[in-house]
Amino acid sequence: MDFQSKKAIYLQIADYVCEQILLGKWQEKTKIPSIRELAINLEVNPNTVMRTYAFLEEKNIITTQRGIGYFVAEQAHEQALNFKKEEFLTLDLPQIFRSMDLLNIDLENFKQLYNTRNKT
């Protein structure tokens, strides 16, 4: 995983977990990698993954079963989708609009670019 300096690593790992859920690679109620396994796979400190898992538990995206491990929560797909939408709308979209203003790109221009992108 390539980490970016603009965002905390634990949040980038949370994005990765959400992506796995949204892509259907990790199904609801299935076991996910342990803290140690994911830390080894992503080459990060286990404490960072622990922080990620605690964050995702607060968001009701994953759950823990004491002594067994971590699992994708029921309704995780919906929760992950809501979390990622909110993040996009509050963090990414304002930056996109700012760039559009700076570059003098109007909504019609943007719409044409978007529609062209979807055809390929």
PDB file of N, CA and C in Angstrom:
ATOM      1  N   MET A   1       0.849  -1.180   0.000  1.00  0.00           N
ATOM      2  CA  MET A   1       0.000   0.000   0.000  1.00  0.00           C
ATOM      3  C   MET A   1       0.891   1.237   0.000  1.00  0.00           C
ATOM      4  N   ASP A   2       0.576   2.177  -0.861  1.00  0.00           N
ATOM      5  CA  ASP A   2       1.308   3.441  -0.936  1.00  0.00           C
ATOM      6  C   ASP A   2       0.618   4.465  -0.049  1.00  0.00           C
ATOM      7  N   PHE A   3       1.297   4.899   0.990  1.00  0.00           N
ATOM      8  CA  PHE A   3       0.695   5.854   1.908  1.00  0.00           C
ATOM      9  C   PHE A   3       0.987   7.279   1.460  1.00  0.00           C
ATOM     10  N   GLN A   4       0.001   8.149   1.660  1.00  0.00           N
ATOM     11  CA  GLN A   4       0.142   9.562   1.312  1.00  0.00           C
ATOM     12  C   GLN A   4       0.447  10.343   2.583  1.00  0.00           C
ATOM     13  N   SER A   5       1.163  11.425   2.447  1.00  0.00           N
ATOM     14  CA  SER A   5       1.528  12.200   3.627  1.00  0.00           C
ATOM     15  C   SER A   5       0.406  13.136   4.089  1.00  0.00           C
ATOM     16  N   LYS A   6      -0.604  13.357   3.245  1.00  0.00           N
ATOM     17  CA  LYS A   6      -1.661  14.312   3.577  1.00  0.00           C
ATOM     18  C   LYS A   6      -2.688  13.770   4.571  1.00  0.00           C
ATOM     19  N   LYS A   7      -2.714  12.469   4.764  1.00  0.00           N
ATOM     20  CA  LYS A   7      -3.759  11.853   5.580  1.00  0.00           C
ATOM     21  C   LYS A   7      -3.118  10.864   6.550  1.00  0.00           C
ATOM     22  N   ALA A   8      -3.636  10.803   7.762  1.00  0.00           N
ATOM     23  CA  ALA A   8      -3.107   9.881   8.767  1.00  0.00           C
ATOM     24  C   ALA A   8      -3.146   8.441   8.241  1.00  0.00           C
ATOM     25  N   ILE A   9      -2.130   7.676   8.569  1.00  0.00           N
ATOM     26  CA  ILE A   9      -2.026   6.303   8.060  1.00  0.00           C
ATOM     27  C   ILE A   9      -3.214   5.456   8.501  1.00  0.00           C
ATOM     28  N   TYR A  10      -3.652   5.622   9.751  1.00  0.00           N
ATOM     29  CA  TYR A  10      -4.774   4.803  10.206  1.00  0.00           C
ATOM     30  C   TYR A  10      -6.037   5.085   9.395  1.00  0.00           C
ATOM     31  N   LEU A  11      -6.199   6.324   8.937  1.00  0.00           N
ATOM     32  CA  LEU A  11      -7.363   6.657   8.103  1.00  0.00           C
ATOM     33  C   LEU A  11      -7.203   6.104   6.687  1.00  0.00           C
ATOM     34  N   GLN A  12      -5.993   6.047   6.199  1.00  0.00           N
ATOM     35  CA  GLN A  12      -5.746   5.442   4.886  1.00  0.00           C
ATOM     36  C   GLN A  12      -6.016   3.939   4.936  1.00  0.00           C
ATOM     37  N   ILE A  13      -5.685   3.324   6.054  1.00  0.00           N
ATOM     38  CA  ILE A  13      -5.991   1.899   6.217  1.00  0.00           C
ATOM     39  C   ILE A  13      -7.505   1.711   6.330  1.00  0.00           C
ATOM     40  N   ALA A  14      -8.178   2.631   7.004  1.00  0.00           N
ATOM     41  CA  ALA A  14      -9.646   2.576   7.087  1.00  0.00           C
ATOM     42  C   ALA A  14     -10.253   2.683   5.689  1.00  0.00           C
ATOM     43  N   ASP A  15      -9.682   3.538   4.844  1.00  0.00           N
ATOM     44  CA  ASP A  15     -10.139   3.637   3.452  1.00  0.00           C
ATOM     45  C   ASP A  15      -9.963   2.312   2.735  1.00  0.00           C
ATOM     46  N   TYR A  16      -8.838   1.668   2.964  1.00  0.00           N
ATOM     47  CA  TYR A  16      -8.554   0.364   2.345  1.00  0.00           C
ATOM     48  C   TYR A  16      -9.596  -0.677   2.774  1.00  0.00           C
ATOM     49  N   VAL A  17      -9.886  -0.728   4.073  1.00  0.00           N
ATOM     50  CA  VAL A  17     -10.879  -1.685   4.585  1.00  0.00           C
ATOM     51  C   VAL A  17     -12.249  -1.388   3.979  1.00  0.00           C
ATOM     52  N   CYS A  18     -12.640  -0.123   3.959  1.00  0.00           N
ATOM     53  CA  CYS A  18     -13.928   0.258   3.365  1.00  0.00           C
ATOM     54  C   CYS A  18     -13.980  -0.126   1.889  1.00  0.00           C
ATOM     55  N   GLU A  19     -12.884   0.081   1.199  1.00  0.00           N
ATOM     56  CA  GLU A  19     -12.834  -0.277  -0.221  1.00  0.00           C
ATOM     57  C   GLU A  19     -13.040  -1.776  -0.420  1.00  0.00           C
ATOM     58  N   GLN A  20     -12.424  -2.587   0.436  1.00  0.00           N
ATOM     59  CA  GLN A  20     -12.594  -4.041   0.340  1.00  0.00           C
ATOM     60  C   GLN A  20     -14.064  -4.423   0.528  1.00  0.00           C
ATOM     61  N   ILE A  21     -14.728  -3.731   1.449  1.00  0.00           N
ATOM     62  CA  ILE A  21     -16.150  -3.990   1.713  1.00  0.00           C
ATOM     63  C   ILE A  21     -17.011  -3.513   0.552  1.00  0.00           C
ATOM     64  N   LEU A  22     -16.754  -2.297   0.073  1.00  0.00           N
ATOM     65  CA  LEU A  22     -17.561  -1.739  -1.012  1.00  0.00           C
ATOM     66  C   LEU A  22     -17.375  -2.492  -2.322  1.00  0.00           C
ATOM     67  N   LEU A  23     -16.201  -3.059  -2.530  1.00  0.00           N
ATOM     68  CA  LEU A  23     -15.956  -3.857  -3.736  1.00  0.00           C
ATOM     69  C   LEU A  23     -16.505  -5.282  -3.609  1.00  0.00           C
ATOM     70  N   GLY A  24     -16.966  -5.634  -2.414  1.00  0.00           N
ATOM     71  CA  GLY A  24     -17.523  -6.968  -2.192  1.00  0.00           C
ATOM     72  C   GLY A  24     -16.475  -8.029  -1.922  1.00  0.00           C
ATOM     73  N   LYS A  25     -15.241  -7.627  -1.704  1.00  0.00           N
ATOM     74  CA  LYS A  25     -14.178  -8.590  -1.416  1.00  0.00           C
ATOM     75  C   LYS A  25     -14.280  -9.115   0.011  1.00  0.00           C
ATOM     76  N   TRP A  26     -14.755  -8.267   0.916  1.00  0.00           N
ATOM     77  CA  TRP A  26     -15.002  -8.665   2.303  1.00  0.00           C
ATOM     78  C   TRP A  26     -16.502  -8.566   2.534  1.00  0.00           C
ATOM     79  N   GLN A  27     -17.159  -9.687   2.685  1.00  0.00           N
ATOM     80  CA  GLN A  27     -18.608  -9.753   2.853  1.00  0.00           C
ATOM     81  C   GLN A  27     -19.017  -9.555   4.312  1.00  0.00           C
ATOM     82  N   GLU A  28     -20.259  -9.114   4.505  1.00  0.00           N
ATOM     83  CA  GLU A  28     -20.795  -8.936   5.849  1.00  0.00           C
ATOM     84  C   GLU A  28     -20.745 -10.257   6.616  1.00  0.00           C
ATOM     85  N   LYS A  29     -20.432 -10.142   7.886  1.00  0.00           N
ATOM     86  CA  LYS A  29     -20.357 -11.253   8.837  1.00  0.00           C
ATOM     87  C   LYS A  29     -19.170 -12.185   8.602  1.00  0.00           C
ATOM     88  N   THR A  30     -18.236 -11.812   7.723  1.00  0.00           N
ATOM     89  CA  THR A  30     -17.057 -12.663   7.514  1.00  0.00           C
ATOM     90  C   THR A  30     -15.877 -12.109   8.295  1.00  0.00           C
ATOM     91  N   LYS A  31     -14.983 -13.017   8.656  1.00  0.00           N
ATOM     92  CA  LYS A  31     -13.790 -12.661   9.425  1.00  0.00           C
ATOM     93  C   LYS A  31     -12.827 -11.880   8.535  1.00  0.00           C
ATOM     94  N   ILE A  32     -12.217 -10.874   9.124  1.00  0.00           N
ATOM     95  CA  ILE A  32     -11.222 -10.085   8.396  1.00  0.00           C
ATOM     96  C   ILE A  32      -9.847 -10.361   9.009  1.00  0.00           C
ATOM     97  N   PRO A  33      -8.790  -9.933   8.343  1.00  0.00           N
ATOM     98  CA  PRO A  33      -7.454 -10.198   8.899  1.00  0.00           C
ATOM     99  C   PRO A  33      -7.308  -9.649  10.320  1.00  0.00           C
ATOM    100  N   SER A  34      -6.549 -10.375  11.121  1.00  0.00           N
ATOM    101  CA  SER A  34      -6.272  -9.908  12.480  1.00  0.00           C
ATOM    102  C   SER A  34      -5.428  -8.641  12.404  1.00  0.00           C
ATOM    103  N   ILE A  35      -5.314  -7.977  13.520  1.00  0.00           N
ATOM    104  CA  ILE A  35      -4.496  -6.766  13.584  1.00  0.00           C
ATOM    105  C   ILE A  35      -3.082  -7.079  13.124  1.00  0.00           C
ATOM    106  N   ARG A  36      -2.557  -8.152  13.636  1.00  0.00           N
ATOM    107  CA  ARG A  36      -1.176  -8.526  13.302  1.00  0.00           C
ATOM    108  C   ARG A  36      -1.032  -8.882  11.829  1.00  0.00           C
ATOM    109  N   GLU A  37      -1.976  -9.659  11.300  1.00  0.00           N
ATOM    110  CA  GLU A  37      -1.927 -10.047   9.881  1.00  0.00           C
ATOM    111  C   GLU A  37      -1.959  -8.817   8.965  1.00  0.00           C
ATOM    112  N   LEU A  38      -2.895  -7.910   9.239  1.00  0.00           N
ATOM    113  CA  LEU A  38      -3.020  -6.732   8.389  1.00  0.00           C
ATOM    114  C   LEU A  38      -1.785  -5.829   8.521  1.00  0.00           C
ATOM    115  N   ALA A  39      -1.250  -5.728   9.731  1.00  0.00           N
ATOM    116  CA  ALA A  39      -0.041  -4.921   9.951  1.00  0.00           C
ATOM    117  C   ALA A  39       1.127  -5.483   9.138  1.00  0.00           C
ATOM    118  N   ILE A  40       1.261  -6.785   9.115  1.00  0.00           N
ATOM    119  CA  ILE A  40       2.334  -7.421   8.342  1.00  0.00           C
ATOM    120  C   ILE A  40       2.104  -7.200   6.851  1.00  0.00           C
ATOM    121  N   ASN A  41       0.859  -7.426   6.390  1.00  0.00           N
ATOM    122  CA  ASN A  41       0.542  -7.263   4.967  1.00  0.00           C
ATOM    123  C   ASN A  41       0.774  -5.834   4.477  1.00  0.00           C
ATOM    124  N   LEU A  42       0.449  -4.855   5.314  1.00  0.00           N
ATOM    125  CA  LEU A  42       0.568  -3.451   4.912  1.00  0.00           C
ATOM    126  C   LEU A  42       1.894  -2.826   5.350  1.00  0.00           C
ATOM    127  N   GLU A  43       2.679  -3.604   6.090  1.00  0.00           N
ATOM    128  CA  GLU A  43       3.987  -3.146   6.585  1.00  0.00           C
ATOM    129  C   GLU A  43       3.865  -1.895   7.443  1.00  0.00           C
ATOM    130  N   VAL A  44       2.971  -1.982   8.433  1.00  0.00           N
ATOM    131  CA  VAL A  44       2.786  -0.890   9.385  1.00  0.00           C
ATOM    132  C   VAL A  44       2.847  -1.459  10.798  1.00  0.00           C
ATOM    133  N   ASN A  45       2.912  -0.575  11.757  1.00  0.00           N
ATOM    134  CA  ASN A  45       2.925  -0.956  13.159  1.00  0.00           C
ATOM    135  C   ASN A  45       1.546  -1.520  13.543  1.00  0.00           C
ATOM    136  N   PRO A  46       1.503  -2.623  14.296  1.00  0.00           N
ATOM    137  CA  PRO A  46       0.203  -3.172  14.733  1.00  0.00           C
ATOM    138  C   PRO A  46      -0.663  -2.158  15.491  1.00  0.00           C
ATOM    139  N   ASN A  47      -0.035  -1.238  16.208  1.00  0.00           N
ATOM    140  CA  ASN A  47      -0.804  -0.222  16.932  1.00  0.00           C
ATOM    141  C   ASN A  47      -1.593   0.671  15.967  1.00  0.00           C
ATOM    142  N   THR A  48      -1.050   0.888  14.774  1.00  0.00           N
ATOM    143  CA  THR A  48      -1.750   1.687  13.776  1.00  0.00           C
ATOM    144  C   THR A  48      -2.998   0.957  13.303  1.00  0.00           C
ATOM    145  N   VAL A  49      -2.874  -0.349  13.052  1.00  0.00           N
ATOM    146  CA  VAL A  49      -4.031  -1.147  12.634  1.00  0.00           C
ATOM    147  C   VAL A  49      -5.041  -1.217  13.770  1.00  0.00           C
ATOM    148  N   MET A  50      -4.564  -1.330  15.000  1.00  0.00           N
ATOM    149  CA  MET A  50      -5.470  -1.364  16.150  1.00  0.00           C
ATOM    150  C   MET A  50      -6.287  -0.070  16.203  1.00  0.00           C
ATOM    151  N   ARG A  51      -5.631   1.049  15.941  1.00  0.00           N
ATOM    152  CA  ARG A  51      -6.333   2.337  15.934  1.00  0.00           C
ATOM    153  C   ARG A  51      -7.368   2.371  14.801  1.00  0.00           C
ATOM    154  N   THR A  52      -6.997   1.828  13.643  1.00  0.00           N
ATOM    155  CA  THR A  52      -7.927   1.752  12.505  1.00  0.00           C
ATOM    156  C   THR A  52      -9.145   0.923  12.871  1.00  0.00           C
ATOM    157  N   TYR A  53      -8.914  -0.253  13.442  1.00  0.00           N
ATOM    158  CA  TYR A  53     -10.024  -1.142  13.779  1.00  0.00           C
ATOM    159  C   TYR A  53     -10.934  -0.504  14.830  1.00  0.00           C
ATOM    160  N   ALA A  54     -10.358   0.197  15.803  1.00  0.00           N
ATOM    161  CA  ALA A  54     -11.176   0.884  16.813  1.00  0.00           C
ATOM    162  C   ALA A  54     -12.037   1.972  16.144  1.00  0.00           C
ATOM    163  N   PHE A  55     -11.439   2.701  15.232  1.00  0.00           N
ATOM    164  CA  PHE A  55     -12.153   3.736  14.489  1.00  0.00           C
ATOM    165  C   PHE A  55     -13.314   3.138  13.698  1.00  0.00           C
ATOM    166  N   LEU A  56     -13.052   2.023  12.993  1.00  0.00           N
ATOM    167  CA  LEU A  56     -14.084   1.383  12.179  1.00  0.00           C
ATOM    168  C   LEU A  56     -15.167   0.734  13.035  1.00  0.00           C
ATOM    169  N   GLU A  57     -14.817   0.290  14.231  1.00  0.00           N
ATOM    170  CA  GLU A  57     -15.833  -0.232  15.159  1.00  0.00           C
ATOM    171  C   GLU A  57     -16.775   0.886  15.589  1.00  0.00           C
ATOM    172  N   GLU A  58     -16.221   2.076  15.842  1.00  0.00           N
ATOM    173  CA  GLU A  58     -17.055   3.226  16.202  1.00  0.00           C
ATOM    174  C   GLU A  58     -18.020   3.582  15.085  1.00  0.00           C
ATOM    175  N   LYS A  59     -17.611   3.352  13.852  1.00  0.00           N
ATOM    176  CA  LYS A  59     -18.445   3.646  12.677  1.00  0.00           C
ATOM    177  C   LYS A  59     -19.382   2.495  12.337  1.00  0.00           C
ATOM    178  N   ASN A  60     -19.368   1.412  13.134  1.00  0.00           N
ATOM    179  CA  ASN A  60     -20.202   0.221  12.915  1.00  0.00           C
ATOM    180  C   ASN A  60     -19.930  -0.450  11.570  1.00  0.00           C
ATOM    181  N   ILE A  61     -18.673  -0.412  11.155  1.00  0.00           N
ATOM    182  CA  ILE A  61     -18.282  -1.051   9.905  1.00  0.00           C
ATOM    183  C   ILE A  61     -17.690  -2.432  10.177  1.00  0.00           C
ATOM    184  N   ILE A  62     -17.011  -2.563  11.307  1.00  0.00           N
ATOM    185  CA  ILE A  62     -16.520  -3.877  11.730  1.00  0.00           C
ATOM    186  C   ILE A  62     -16.948  -4.112  13.170  1.00  0.00           C
ATOM    187  N   THR A  63     -16.905  -5.368  13.576  1.00  0.00           N
ATOM    188  CA  THR A  63     -17.210  -5.735  14.958  1.00  0.00           C
ATOM    189  C   THR A  63     -16.131  -6.689  15.443  1.00  0.00           C
ATOM    190  N   THR A  64     -16.049  -6.818  16.736  1.00  0.00           N
ATOM    191  CA  THR A  64     -15.101  -7.764  17.316  1.00  0.00           C
ATOM    192  C   THR A  64     -15.866  -8.806  18.111  1.00  0.00           C
ATOM    193  N   GLN A  65     -15.390 -10.026  18.017  1.00  0.00           N
ATOM    194  CA  GLN A  65     -15.935 -11.101  18.844  1.00  0.00           C
ATOM    195  C   GLN A  65     -14.788 -11.552  19.729  1.00  0.00           C
ATOM    196  N   ARG A  66     -14.926 -11.277  20.995  1.00  0.00           N
ATOM    197  CA  ARG A  66     -13.856 -11.544  21.951  1.00  0.00           C
ATOM    198  C   ARG A  66     -13.321 -12.971  21.800  1.00  0.00           C
ATOM    199  N   GLY A  67     -12.018 -13.059  21.633  1.00  0.00           N
ATOM    200  CA  GLY A  67     -11.352 -14.354  21.524  1.00  0.00           C
ATOM    201  C   GLY A  67     -11.387 -14.972  20.139  1.00  0.00           C
ATOM    202  N   ILE A  68     -12.177 -14.393  19.232  1.00  0.00           N
ATOM    203  CA  ILE A  68     -12.290 -14.953  17.879  1.00  0.00           C
ATOM    204  C   ILE A  68     -11.633 -14.034  16.853  1.00  0.00           C
ATOM    205  N   GLY A  69     -11.927 -12.747  16.922  1.00  0.00           N
ATOM    206  CA  GLY A  69     -11.322 -11.806  15.994  1.00  0.00           C
ATOM    207  C   GLY A  69     -12.295 -10.750  15.524  1.00  0.00           C
ATOM    208  N   TYR A  70     -11.926 -10.125  14.423  1.00  0.00           N
ATOM    209  CA  TYR A  70     -12.714  -9.043  13.845  1.00  0.00           C
ATOM    210  C   TYR A  70     -13.496  -9.534  12.638  1.00  0.00           C
ATOM    211  N   PHE A  71     -14.699  -8.968  12.494  1.00  0.00           N
ATOM    212  CA  PHE A  71     -15.607  -9.364  11.429  1.00  0.00           C
ATOM    213  C   PHE A  71     -16.211  -8.128  10.771  1.00  0.00           C
ATOM    214  N   VAL A  72     -16.605  -8.290   9.516  1.00  0.00           N
ATOM    215  CA  VAL A  72     -17.354  -7.241   8.834  1.00  0.00           C
ATOM    216  C   VAL A  72     -18.740  -7.214   9.474  1.00  0.00           C
ATOM    217  N   ALA A  73     -19.159  -6.058   9.882  1.00  0.00           N
ATOM    218  CA  ALA A  73     -20.440  -5.906  10.584  1.00  0.00           C
ATOM    219  C   ALA A  73     -21.619  -6.070   9.625  1.00  0.00           C
ATOM    220  N   GLU A  74     -22.781  -6.396  10.220  1.00  0.00           N
ATOM    221  CA  GLU A  74     -24.015  -6.357   9.435  1.00  0.00           C
ATOM    222  C   GLU A  74     -24.228  -4.912   9.019  1.00  0.00           C
ATOM    223  N   GLN A  75     -24.745  -4.704   7.837  1.00  0.00           N
ATOM    224  CA  GLN A  75     -24.967  -3.360   7.293  1.00  0.00           C
ATOM    225  C   GLN A  75     -23.649  -2.601   7.050  1.00  0.00           C
ATOM    226  N   ALA A  76     -22.527  -3.309   7.020  1.00  0.00           N
ATOM    227  CA  ALA A  76     -21.221  -2.665   6.840  1.00  0.00           C
ATOM    228  C   ALA A  76     -21.130  -1.964   5.486  1.00  0.00           C
ATOM    229  N   HIS A  77     -21.700  -2.586   4.463  1.00  0.00           N
ATOM    230  CA  HIS A  77     -21.635  -1.977   3.137  1.00  0.00           C
ATOM    231  C   HIS A  77     -22.287  -0.597   3.166  1.00  0.00           C
ATOM    232  N   GLU A  78     -23.476  -0.535   3.756  1.00  0.00           N
ATOM    233  CA  GLU A  78     -24.208   0.729   3.854  1.00  0.00           C
ATOM    234  C   GLU A  78     -23.459   1.733   4.727  1.00  0.00           C
ATOM    235  N   GLN A  79     -22.913   1.262   5.848  1.00  0.00           N
ATOM    236  CA  GLN A  79     -22.172   2.142   6.757  1.00  0.00           C
ATOM    237  C   GLN A  79     -20.906   2.676   6.087  1.00  0.00           C
ATOM    238  N   ALA A  80     -20.188   1.795   5.378  1.00  0.00           N
ATOM    239  CA  ALA A  80     -18.964   2.212   4.687  1.00  0.00           C
ATOM    240  C   ALA A  80     -19.306   3.212   3.581  1.00  0.00           C
ATOM    241  N   LEU A  81     -20.385   2.939   2.873  1.00  0.00           N
ATOM    242  CA  LEU A  81     -20.816   3.842   1.804  1.00  0.00           C
ATOM    243  C   LEU A  81     -21.147   5.222   2.371  1.00  0.00           C
ATOM    244  N   ASN A  82     -21.890   5.255   3.463  1.00  0.00           N
ATOM    245  CA  ASN A  82     -22.239   6.529   4.101  1.00  0.00           C
ATOM    246  C   ASN A  82     -21.001   7.264   4.597  1.00  0.00           C
ATOM    247  N   PHE A  83     -20.079   6.532   5.208  1.00  0.00           N
ATOM    248  CA  PHE A  83     -18.841   7.121   5.712  1.00  0.00           C
ATOM    249  C   PHE A  83     -18.031   7.726   4.575  1.00  0.00           C
ATOM    250  N   LYS A  84     -17.851   6.975   3.483  1.00  0.00           N
ATOM    251  CA  LYS A  84     -17.053   7.444   2.352  1.00  0.00           C
ATOM    252  C   LYS A  84     -17.742   8.602   1.628  1.00  0.00           C
ATOM    253  N   LYS A  85     -19.073   8.563   1.512  1.00  0.00           N
ATOM    254  CA  LYS A  85     -19.808   9.672   0.900  1.00  0.00           C
ATOM    255  C   LYS A  85     -19.616  10.947   1.704  1.00  0.00           C
ATOM    256  N   GLU A  86     -19.784  10.840   3.015  1.00  0.00           N
ATOM    257  CA  GLU A  86     -19.639  12.002   3.889  1.00  0.00           C
ATOM    258  C   GLU A  86     -18.225  12.576   3.782  1.00  0.00           C
ATOM    259  N   GLU A  87     -17.245  11.699   3.769  1.00  0.00           N
ATOM    260  CA  GLU A  87     -15.852  12.134   3.633  1.00  0.00           C
ATOM    261  C   GLU A  87     -15.636  12.844   2.290  1.00  0.00           C
ATOM    262  N   PHE A  88     -16.171  12.275   1.230  1.00  0.00           N
ATOM    263  CA  PHE A  88     -16.037  12.884  -0.092  1.00  0.00           C
ATOM    264  C   PHE A  88     -16.705  14.250  -0.138  1.00  0.00           C
ATOM    265  N   LEU A  89     -17.926  14.327   0.373  1.00  0.00           N
ATOM    266  CA  LEU A  89     -18.678  15.577   0.312  1.00  0.00           C
ATOM    267  C   LEU A  89     -18.073  16.684   1.172  1.00  0.00           C
ATOM    268  N   THR A  90     -17.456  16.325   2.287  1.00  0.00           N
ATOM    269  CA  THR A  90     -16.913  17.353   3.178  1.00  0.00           C
ATOM    270  C   THR A  90     -15.446  17.672   2.916  1.00  0.00           C
ATOM    271  N   LEU A  91     -14.676  16.709   2.413  1.00  0.00           N
ATOM    272  CA  LEU A  91     -13.245  16.944   2.215  1.00  0.00           C
ATOM    273  C   LEU A  91     -12.845  17.084   0.748  1.00  0.00           C
ATOM    274  N   ASP A  92     -13.261  16.149  -0.077  1.00  0.00           N
ATOM    275  CA  ASP A  92     -12.796  16.110  -1.471  1.00  0.00           C
ATOM    276  C   ASP A  92     -13.545  17.091  -2.373  1.00  0.00           C
ATOM    277  N   LEU A  93     -14.848  17.101  -2.289  1.00  0.00           N
ATOM    278  CA  LEU A  93     -15.649  17.923  -3.193  1.00  0.00           C
ATOM    279  C   LEU A  93     -15.336  19.425  -3.073  1.00  0.00           C
ATOM    280  N   PRO A  94     -15.213  19.963  -1.864  1.00  0.00           N
ATOM    281  CA  PRO A  94     -14.849  21.386  -1.790  1.00  0.00           C
ATOM    282  C   PRO A  94     -13.505  21.678  -2.486  1.00  0.00           C
ATOM    283  N   GLN A  95     -12.574  20.760  -2.387  1.00  0.00           N
ATOM    284  CA  GLN A  95     -11.281  20.940  -3.056  1.00  0.00           C
ATOM    285  C   GLN A  95     -11.446  20.893  -4.575  1.00  0.00           C
ATOM    286  N   ILE A  96     -12.306  20.002  -5.056  1.00  0.00           N
ATOM    287  CA  ILE A  96     -12.589  19.912  -6.493  1.00  0.00           C
ATOM    288  C   ILE A  96     -13.230  21.214  -6.980  1.00  0.00           C
ATOM    289  N   PHE A  97     -14.208  21.714  -6.232  1.00  0.00           N
ATOM    290  CA  PHE A  97     -14.864  22.966  -6.614  1.00  0.00           C
ATOM    291  C   PHE A  97     -13.869  24.131  -6.623  1.00  0.00           C
ATOM    292  N   ARG A  98     -12.989  24.154  -5.653  1.00  0.00           N
ATOM    293  CA  ARG A  98     -11.978  25.211  -5.595  1.00  0.00           C
ATOM    294  C   ARG A  98     -11.075  25.139  -6.828  1.00  0.00           C
ATOM    295  N   SER A  99     -10.643  23.936  -7.174  1.00  0.00           N
ATOM    296  CA  SER A  99      -9.802  23.761  -8.368  1.00  0.00           C
ATOM    297  C   SER A  99     -10.548  24.157  -9.632  1.00  0.00           C
ATOM    298  N   MET A 100     -11.825  23.807  -9.701  1.00  0.00           N
ATOM    299  CA  MET A 100     -12.629  24.185 -10.862  1.00  0.00           C
ATOM    300  C   MET A 100     -12.708  25.702 -10.989  1.00  0.00           C
ATOM    301  N   ASP A 101     -12.900  26.382  -9.868  1.00  0.00           N
ATOM    302  CA  ASP A 101     -12.950  27.851  -9.893  1.00  0.00           C
ATOM    303  C   ASP A 101     -11.618  28.434 -10.348  1.00  0.00           C
ATOM    304  N   LEU A 102     -10.537  27.911  -9.796  1.00  0.00           N
ATOM    305  CA  LEU A 102      -9.212  28.422 -10.149  1.00  0.00           C
ATOM    306  C   LEU A 102      -8.877  28.189 -11.626  1.00  0.00           C
ATOM    307  N   LEU A 103      -9.354  27.087 -12.164  1.00  0.00           N
ATOM    308  CA  LEU A 103      -9.042  26.728 -13.547  1.00  0.00           C
ATOM    309  C   LEU A 103     -10.123  27.159 -14.533  1.00  0.00           C
ATOM    310  N   ASN A 104     -11.126  27.852 -14.012  1.00  0.00           N
ATOM    311  CA  ASN A 104     -12.225  28.341 -14.840  1.00  0.00           C
ATOM    312  C   ASN A 104     -12.929  27.208 -15.591  1.00  0.00           C
ATOM    313  N   ILE A 105     -13.235  26.146 -14.870  1.00  0.00           N
ATOM    314  CA  ILE A 105     -13.985  25.016 -15.426  1.00  0.00           C
ATOM    315  C   ILE A 105     -15.405  25.129 -14.893  1.00  0.00           C
ATOM    316  N   ASP A 106     -16.366  25.282 -15.791  1.00  0.00           N
ATOM    317  CA  ASP A 106     -17.749  25.401 -15.337  1.00  0.00           C
ATOM    318  C   ASP A 106     -18.394  24.013 -15.245  1.00  0.00           C
ATOM    319  N   LEU A 107     -19.579  23.974 -14.678  1.00  0.00           N
ATOM    320  CA  LEU A 107     -20.265  22.693 -14.467  1.00  0.00           C
ATOM    321  C   LEU A 107     -20.582  21.975 -15.777  1.00  0.00           C
ATOM    322  N   GLU A 108     -20.895  22.729 -16.814  1.00  0.00           N
ATOM    323  CA  GLU A 108     -21.181  22.110 -18.112  1.00  0.00           C
ATOM    324  C   GLU A 108     -19.941  21.423 -18.664  1.00  0.00           C
ATOM    325  N   ASN A 109     -18.814  22.080 -18.549  1.00  0.00           N
ATOM    326  CA  ASN A 109     -17.523  21.511 -18.940  1.00  0.00           C
ATOM    327  C   ASN A 109     -17.253  20.220 -18.157  1.00  0.00           C
ATOM    328  N   PHE A 110     -17.476  20.319 -16.860  1.00  0.00           N
ATOM    329  CA  PHE A 110     -17.258  19.183 -15.970  1.00  0.00           C
ATOM    330  C   PHE A 110     -18.174  18.014 -16.343  1.00  0.00           C
ATOM    331  N   LYS A 111     -19.419  18.328 -16.619  1.00  0.00           N
ATOM    332  CA  LYS A 111     -20.400  17.307 -16.985  1.00  0.00           C
ATOM    333  C   LYS A 111     -19.972  16.592 -18.264  1.00  0.00           C
ATOM    334  N   GLN A 112     -19.495  17.338 -19.250  1.00  0.00           N
ATOM    335  CA  GLN A 112     -19.028  16.735 -20.500  1.00  0.00           C
ATOM    336  C   GLN A 112     -17.851  15.802 -20.243  1.00  0.00           C
ATOM    337  N   LEU A 113     -16.914  16.246 -19.418  1.00  0.00           N
ATOM    338  CA  LEU A 113     -15.755  15.417 -19.073  1.00  0.00           C
ATOM    339  C   LEU A 113     -16.190  14.142 -18.335  1.00  0.00           C
ATOM    340  N   TYR A 114     -17.134  14.326 -17.439  1.00  0.00           N
ATOM    341  CA  TYR A 114     -17.639  13.181 -16.674  1.00  0.00           C
ATOM    342  C   TYR A 114     -18.317  12.175 -17.599  1.00  0.00           C
ATOM    343  N   ASN A 115     -19.171  12.642 -18.500  1.00  0.00           N
ATOM    344  CA  ASN A 115     -19.876  11.764 -19.417  1.00  0.00           C
ATOM    345  C   ASN A 115     -18.908  11.059 -20.375  1.00  0.00           C
ATOM    346  N   THR A 116     -17.890  11.740 -20.818  1.00  0.00           N
ATOM    347  CA  THR A 116     -16.872  11.141 -21.683  1.00  0.00           C
ATOM    348  C   THR A 116     -16.125  10.041 -20.949  1.00  0.00           C
ATOM    349  N   ARG A 117     -15.817  10.272 -19.698  1.00  0.00           N
ATOM    350  CA  ARG A 117     -15.108   9.307 -18.867  1.00  0.00           C
ATOM    351  C   ARG A 117     -15.914   8.020 -18.710  1.00  0.00           C
ATOM    352  N   ASN A 118     -17.207   8.131 -18.554  1.00  0.00           N
ATOM    353  CA  ASN A 118     -18.064   6.965 -18.346  1.00  0.00           C
ATOM    354  C   ASN A 118     -18.274   6.138 -19.602  1.00  0.00           C
ATOM    355  N   LYS A 119     -18.015   6.708 -20.771  1.00  0.00           N
ATOM    356  CA  LYS A 119     -18.209   5.973 -22.019  1.00  0.00           C
ATOM    357  C   LYS A 119     -17.022   5.082 -22.343  1.00  0.00           C
ATOM    358  N   THR A 120     -15.887   5.354 -21.751  1.00  0.00           N
ATOM    359  CA  THR A 120     -14.683   4.564 -22.045  1.00  0.00           C
ATOM    360  C   THR A 120     -14.503   3.429 -21.099  1.00  0.00           C
TER     361      THR A 120
END
